[in-house]
């Protein structure tokens, strides 16, 4: 026998195809928002380049685990600000955008993991990103040293 869950989610005015409703387990609530298809802009191109870079270099599982630990600690300490993080791409995007701002000569299409470690770039670990001021400090941030 399969359990069935019935929940009363308030209906939104207008066409349901224009809205997206989903459950966010990190925030422990349902979120309903207008479906947005972003227009291509320079900002979108930078984000696409950053995530293509992440796929190309294959980020280590240890770095991703450090991202998850950082998210838990960040949400615990900064929950009152109303800007929670929910997944590792939030952290990675914030780090890489700040890195590109400080190092405009970097080309993500040719950059490798070895280059990041050799040049001691702040994006090589969560601890170095926090030390550079790219992320807010959290409890025991010095232990988040696994390399990208």
C-alpha atoms as a PDB file:
ATOM      1  CA  UNK A   1       0.000   0.000   0.000  1.00  0.00           C
ATOM      2  CA  UNK A   2       1.419   3.344  -1.024  1.00  0.00           C
ATOM      3  CA  UNK A   3       0.931   6.254   1.354  1.00  0.00           C
ATOM      4  CA  UNK A   4      -0.794   9.300  -0.064  1.00  0.00           C
ATOM      5  CA  UNK A   5      -0.136  12.811   1.119  1.00  0.00           C
ATOM      6  CA  UNK A   6      -2.754  15.494   0.741  1.00  0.00           C
ATOM      7  CA  UNK A   7      -1.670  19.045   1.381  1.00  0.00           C
ATOM      8  CA  UNK A   8      -3.519  22.288   1.017  1.00  0.00           C
ATOM      9  CA  UNK A   9      -1.327  24.604  -0.977  1.00  0.00           C
ATOM     10  CA  UNK A  10      -2.976  27.948  -1.676  1.00  0.00           C
ATOM     11  CA  UNK A  11      -3.799  28.470  -5.335  1.00  0.00           C
ATOM     12  CA  UNK A  12      -2.317  31.440  -7.100  1.00  0.00           C
ATOM     13  CA  UNK A  13      -4.355  33.726  -9.304  1.00  0.00           C
ATOM     14  CA  UNK A  14      -3.718  33.366 -13.002  1.00  0.00           C
ATOM     15  CA  UNK A  15      -2.439  30.557 -15.146  1.00  0.00           C
ATOM     16  CA  UNK A  16      -0.815  27.678 -13.213  1.00  0.00           C
ATOM     17  CA  UNK A  17       1.663  27.147 -16.055  1.00  0.00           C
ATOM     18  CA  UNK A  18       3.209  30.488 -15.146  1.00  0.00           C
ATOM     19  CA  UNK A  19       4.054  29.351 -11.593  1.00  0.00           C
ATOM     20  CA  UNK A  20       6.375  26.795 -10.029  1.00  0.00           C
ATOM     21  CA  UNK A  21       5.732  25.253  -6.607  1.00  0.00           C
ATOM     22  CA  UNK A  22       8.332  23.097  -4.880  1.00  0.00           C
ATOM     23  CA  UNK A  23       9.459  21.965  -1.435  1.00  0.00           C
ATOM     24  CA  UNK A  24      12.852  23.184  -0.230  1.00  0.00           C
ATOM     25  CA  UNK A  25      14.125  20.785   2.448  1.00  0.00           C
ATOM     26  CA  UNK A  26      16.873  23.163   3.571  1.00  0.00           C
ATOM     27  CA  UNK A  27      14.359  25.903   4.342  1.00  0.00           C
ATOM     28  CA  UNK A  28      11.680  23.386   5.418  1.00  0.00           C
ATOM     29  CA  UNK A  29       8.883  25.065   3.487  1.00  0.00           C
ATOM     30  CA  UNK A  30       7.038  25.106   0.190  1.00  0.00           C
ATOM     31  CA  UNK A  31       7.947  27.866  -2.190  1.00  0.00           C
ATOM     32  CA  UNK A  32       5.695  29.141  -4.951  1.00  0.00           C
ATOM     33  CA  UNK A  33       7.143  31.575  -7.409  1.00  0.00           C
ATOM     34  CA  UNK A  34       6.530  32.911 -10.857  1.00  0.00           C
ATOM     35  CA  UNK A  35       8.282  30.860 -13.541  1.00  0.00           C
ATOM     36  CA  UNK A  36      11.038  33.013 -15.005  1.00  0.00           C
ATOM     37  CA  UNK A  37      12.955  32.311 -18.170  1.00  0.00           C
ATOM     38  CA  UNK A  38      15.999  34.591 -17.986  1.00  0.00           C
ATOM     39  CA  UNK A  39      17.005  36.666 -20.973  1.00  0.00           C
ATOM     40  CA  UNK A  40      20.610  36.252 -22.165  1.00  0.00           C
ATOM     41  CA  UNK A  41      22.818  38.901 -20.562  1.00  0.00           C
ATOM     42  CA  UNK A  42      26.480  39.359 -19.767  1.00  0.00           C
ATOM     43  CA  UNK A  43      25.832  38.115 -16.221  1.00  0.00           C
ATOM     44  CA  UNK A  44      24.260  34.905 -17.570  1.00  0.00           C
ATOM     45  CA  UNK A  45      27.280  34.347 -19.805  1.00  0.00           C
ATOM     46  CA  UNK A  46      29.614  34.615 -16.791  1.00  0.00           C
ATOM     47  CA  UNK A  47      27.513  32.125 -14.820  1.00  0.00           C
ATOM     48  CA  UNK A  48      27.487  29.699 -17.749  1.00  0.00           C
ATOM     49  CA  UNK A  49      31.262  30.031 -18.049  1.00  0.00           C
ATOM     50  CA  UNK A  50      31.715  29.371 -14.308  1.00  0.00           C
ATOM     51  CA  UNK A  51      29.560  26.233 -14.340  1.00  0.00           C
ATOM     52  CA  UNK A  52      31.198  24.971 -17.548  1.00  0.00           C
ATOM     53  CA  UNK A  53      34.516  25.426 -15.724  1.00  0.00           C
ATOM     54  CA  UNK A  54      33.197  23.411 -12.757  1.00  0.00           C
ATOM     55  CA  UNK A  55      32.168  20.555 -15.057  1.00  0.00           C
ATOM     56  CA  UNK A  56      35.476  20.619 -16.909  1.00  0.00           C
ATOM     57  CA  UNK A  57      37.771  20.459 -13.870  1.00  0.00           C
ATOM     58  CA  UNK A  58      35.594  17.925 -11.973  1.00  0.00           C
ATOM     59  CA  UNK A  59      35.451  19.395  -8.469  1.00  0.00           C
ATOM     60  CA  UNK A  60      36.619  16.993  -5.759  1.00  0.00           C
ATOM     61  CA  UNK A  61      34.057  15.345  -3.481  1.00  0.00           C
ATOM     62  CA  UNK A  62      36.003  16.618  -0.430  1.00  0.00           C
ATOM     63  CA  UNK A  63      35.612  20.223  -1.621  1.00  0.00           C
ATOM     64  CA  UNK A  64      31.881  19.666  -2.188  1.00  0.00           C
ATOM     65  CA  UNK A  65      31.574  18.219   1.332  1.00  0.00           C
ATOM     66  CA  UNK A  66      33.335  21.325   2.702  1.00  0.00           C
ATOM     67  CA  UNK A  67      30.776  23.422   0.777  1.00  0.00           C
ATOM     68  CA  UNK A  68      27.937  21.476   2.407  1.00  0.00           C
ATOM     69  CA  UNK A  69      29.467  21.907   5.869  1.00  0.00           C
ATOM     70  CA  UNK A  70      29.919  25.625   5.183  1.00  0.00           C
ATOM     71  CA  UNK A  71      26.259  25.923   4.128  1.00  0.00           C
ATOM     72  CA  UNK A  72      25.045  24.257   7.338  1.00  0.00           C
ATOM     73  CA  UNK A  73      27.175  26.533   9.513  1.00  0.00           C
ATOM     74  CA  UNK A  74      26.336  29.638   7.476  1.00  0.00           C
ATOM     75  CA  UNK A  75      22.584  28.995   7.699  1.00  0.00           C
ATOM     76  CA  UNK A  76      22.875  28.378  11.449  1.00  0.00           C
ATOM     77  CA  UNK A  77      24.779  31.630  12.086  1.00  0.00           C
ATOM     78  CA  UNK A  78      23.204  33.979   9.525  1.00  0.00           C
ATOM     79  CA  UNK A  79      19.588  32.720   9.465  1.00  0.00           C
ATOM     80  CA  UNK A  80      18.251  36.053  10.715  1.00  0.00           C
ATOM     81  CA  UNK A  81      19.512  37.860   7.595  1.00  0.00           C
ATOM     82  CA  UNK A  82      17.006  36.017   5.409  1.00  0.00           C
ATOM     83  CA  UNK A  83      19.564  34.958   2.775  1.00  0.00           C
ATOM     84  CA  UNK A  84      20.097  31.223   3.317  1.00  0.00           C
ATOM     85  CA  UNK A  85      22.237  29.101   1.033  1.00  0.00           C
ATOM     86  CA  UNK A  86      20.917  25.718   0.027  1.00  0.00           C
ATOM     87  CA  UNK A  87      23.366  23.944  -2.326  1.00  0.00           C
ATOM     88  CA  UNK A  88      27.060  23.888  -3.169  1.00  0.00           C
ATOM     89  CA  UNK A  89      26.650  25.847  -6.446  1.00  0.00           C
ATOM     90  CA  UNK A  90      25.605  28.868  -4.341  1.00  0.00           C
ATOM     91  CA  UNK A  91      28.956  28.783  -2.556  1.00  0.00           C
ATOM     92  CA  UNK A  92      30.989  27.957  -5.663  1.00  0.00           C
ATOM     93  CA  UNK A  93      29.388  30.743  -7.706  1.00  0.00           C
ATOM     94  CA  UNK A  94      30.015  33.309  -4.962  1.00  0.00           C
ATOM     95  CA  UNK A  95      33.676  32.273  -4.694  1.00  0.00           C
ATOM     96  CA  UNK A  96      34.314  32.243  -8.440  1.00  0.00           C
ATOM     97  CA  UNK A  97      32.615  35.597  -9.097  1.00  0.00           C
ATOM     98  CA  UNK A  98      34.755  37.209  -6.387  1.00  0.00           C
ATOM     99  CA  UNK A  99      37.874  35.503  -7.781  1.00  0.00           C
ATOM    100  CA  UNK A 100      37.162  36.807 -11.287  1.00  0.00           C
ATOM    101  CA  UNK A 101      36.609  40.295  -9.865  1.00  0.00           C
ATOM    102  CA  UNK A 102      39.997  40.246  -8.080  1.00  0.00           C
ATOM    103  CA  UNK A 103      41.841  38.460 -10.909  1.00  0.00           C
ATOM    104  CA  UNK A 104      40.320  39.785 -14.161  1.00  0.00           C
ATOM    105  CA  UNK A 105      43.138  38.275 -16.236  1.00  0.00           C
ATOM    106  CA  UNK A 106      41.981  34.691 -15.437  1.00  0.00           C
ATOM    107  CA  UNK A 107      40.529  32.757 -18.351  1.00  0.00           C
ATOM    108  CA  UNK A 108      38.178  30.037 -17.117  1.00  0.00           C
ATOM    109  CA  UNK A 109      38.318  28.272 -20.470  1.00  0.00           C
ATOM    110  CA  UNK A 110      42.011  27.445 -19.996  1.00  0.00           C
ATOM    111  CA  UNK A 111      42.343  27.432 -16.190  1.00  0.00           C
ATOM    112  CA  UNK A 112      43.008  24.052 -14.529  1.00  0.00           C
ATOM    113  CA  UNK A 113      43.016  22.727 -10.965  1.00  0.00           C
ATOM    114  CA  UNK A 114      46.816  22.647 -11.026  1.00  0.00           C
ATOM    115  CA  UNK A 115      46.936  26.338 -12.019  1.00  0.00           C
ATOM    116  CA  UNK A 116      44.630  27.240  -9.131  1.00  0.00           C
ATOM    117  CA  UNK A 117      46.795  25.421  -6.586  1.00  0.00           C
ATOM    118  CA  UNK A 118      50.110  26.589  -8.107  1.00  0.00           C
ATOM    119  CA  UNK A 119      49.044  30.258  -8.174  1.00  0.00           C
ATOM    120  CA  UNK A 120      47.565  30.012  -4.626  1.00  0.00           C
ATOM    121  CA  UNK A 121      44.263  31.485  -5.786  1.00  0.00           C
ATOM    122  CA  UNK A 122      41.687  32.025  -2.997  1.00  0.00           C
ATOM    123  CA  UNK A 123      39.220  29.707  -4.760  1.00  0.00           C
ATOM    124  CA  UNK A 124      41.381  26.636  -4.040  1.00  0.00           C
ATOM    125  CA  UNK A 125      39.550  25.921  -0.746  1.00  0.00           C
ATOM    126  CA  UNK A 126      36.714  27.247   1.383  1.00  0.00           C
ATOM    127  CA  UNK A 127      39.136  28.365   4.116  1.00  0.00           C
ATOM    128  CA  UNK A 128      41.251  30.394   1.670  1.00  0.00           C
ATOM    129  CA  UNK A 129      38.081  31.972   0.203  1.00  0.00           C
ATOM    130  CA  UNK A 130      36.937  32.998   3.687  1.00  0.00           C
ATOM    131  CA  UNK A 131      40.400  34.338   4.479  1.00  0.00           C
ATOM    132  CA  UNK A 132      40.302  36.427   1.266  1.00  0.00           C
ATOM    133  CA  UNK A 133      36.893  37.828   2.261  1.00  0.00           C
ATOM    134  CA  UNK A 134      34.873  36.084  -0.468  1.00  0.00           C
ATOM    135  CA  UNK A 135      32.650  34.290   2.079  1.00  0.00           C
ATOM    136  CA  UNK A 136      31.450  35.184   5.570  1.00  0.00           C
ATOM    137  CA  UNK A 137      33.258  33.577   8.494  1.00  0.00           C
ATOM    138  CA  UNK A 138      31.583  30.622  10.185  1.00  0.00           C
ATOM    139  CA  UNK A 139      32.473  28.460  13.177  1.00  0.00           C
ATOM    140  CA  UNK A 140      35.663  26.389  12.628  1.00  0.00           C
ATOM    141  CA  UNK A 141      36.182  27.748   9.115  1.00  0.00           C
ATOM    142  CA  UNK A 142      39.927  27.032   9.351  1.00  0.00           C
ATOM    143  CA  UNK A 143      39.192  23.282   9.053  1.00  0.00           C
ATOM    144  CA  UNK A 144      37.581  23.612   5.597  1.00  0.00           C
ATOM    145  CA  UNK A 145      40.869  23.210   3.724  1.00  0.00           C
ATOM    146  CA  UNK A 146      40.163  20.492   1.151  1.00  0.00           C
ATOM    147  CA  UNK A 147      41.327  21.538  -2.316  1.00  0.00           C
ATOM    148  CA  UNK A 148      39.072  22.081  -5.276  1.00  0.00           C
END
